[in-house]
């Protein structure tokens, strides 16, 4: 137990090191792109701050949300990241494509902060910005059928192959709508939440009857053990998306029996791999696979998606933190405890390097060191296990 406590405090120390007056930066390492306040990274670190109950970290989360709110686009979408040059904010709304998940994470962040701190007025002060966020998500449906259409490179897996109706983004939207409803309930919003959830279940699970977006592609996808990562007019992409499927289980989307199938698949995969963690996406895409060329071309600077690395079946502590929350949603505390030990062991590598991700096959660390959300994943799961911390669903 003492080692678990030590690991937990090391995670908190890193979050402190990544705290700035403007909010959480992505890494304590001096790399320009990571010394920025990112919407998705900042909110995930903020959820960990709330879980910790540590006042200084909660204040940094508040500053993160204020920085992002001040930099939102007039149309309603949110920054991918913000950095400061001579005291002035420089805002990016995305590189090769805008970031759809920046919008949903911001809504979730404001609502979670207001709920878990008891500062309900914080929600109402940002209500107009949140309404614009929900409005732009409605517009991004393009067809009024309740699923958001996401461009290639449009979310955290920005160098991967997912596009179109990406599962992860639909689930974040469902969570964001539900969080907003907690503060501002209405019949209209209740119906929208029901419609979004229904469309996820009809189009990504094998058991729900109803009109599919793409009947032919759905039939060919032959969904069995988990929800496919995305579909588009060109058909389904079927790799296992660990973060998305974890969110589905955590949020209670899909039948209980299908949620158990997802967890059974994830546990089986986790147990057969050397890190005893689940990869972000599985299986790896290789040079002979039809998606390889899409993967190779989808990078702005250098190619990082070698098999078993980065998004291409690499292993991320952050993703595994949310997988742990999914396990706990089904009262699998023993499995979650073992998972936390594996996350901490990964974060401990190279003298608590808190690496961004790991080669799933060789276990060698990859990406940036001292990555804030690698610590955040561990904190979220630790406090959910040992302090009965619960996020607003």
Foldseek 3Di string as FASTA:
>chain_A
DVVLVVLLVLLVVLQVCQFDQQAGFFFNDPDVVRNWLAQQLRLLLCVLVLLVVDPVNVNRSVSSLVNFLVQQDPQQHTFRTWDADPRHIDTHQADPDGALVSLLSSLQSQLQSCVSVVVVVSCVVCVVSNVSSLVVQCVQVVPNQLFGWAAALHHPLNLDDAGGRFLQSLLSSLSSLLSVCVNPPDPVSVVSSVRSLLLSQCAFHDPDDDDHPAVVLSVVLPDDQFGAGHAHPVHTHRWDQLLSLLSCLLVVRYDPVNNVSNLVVQQVQLVVFPLSAFFRTDDFDDPPDPCVVSSCPRDDPHRFRDGQTDNRVWHALLSRLSSLSSCVSVPNLVSSVVSLVSLSVLCPPPNRQLAGTARRHVRHGDHHTSGSSSSSSSSSSVSCNPVVDDTDD
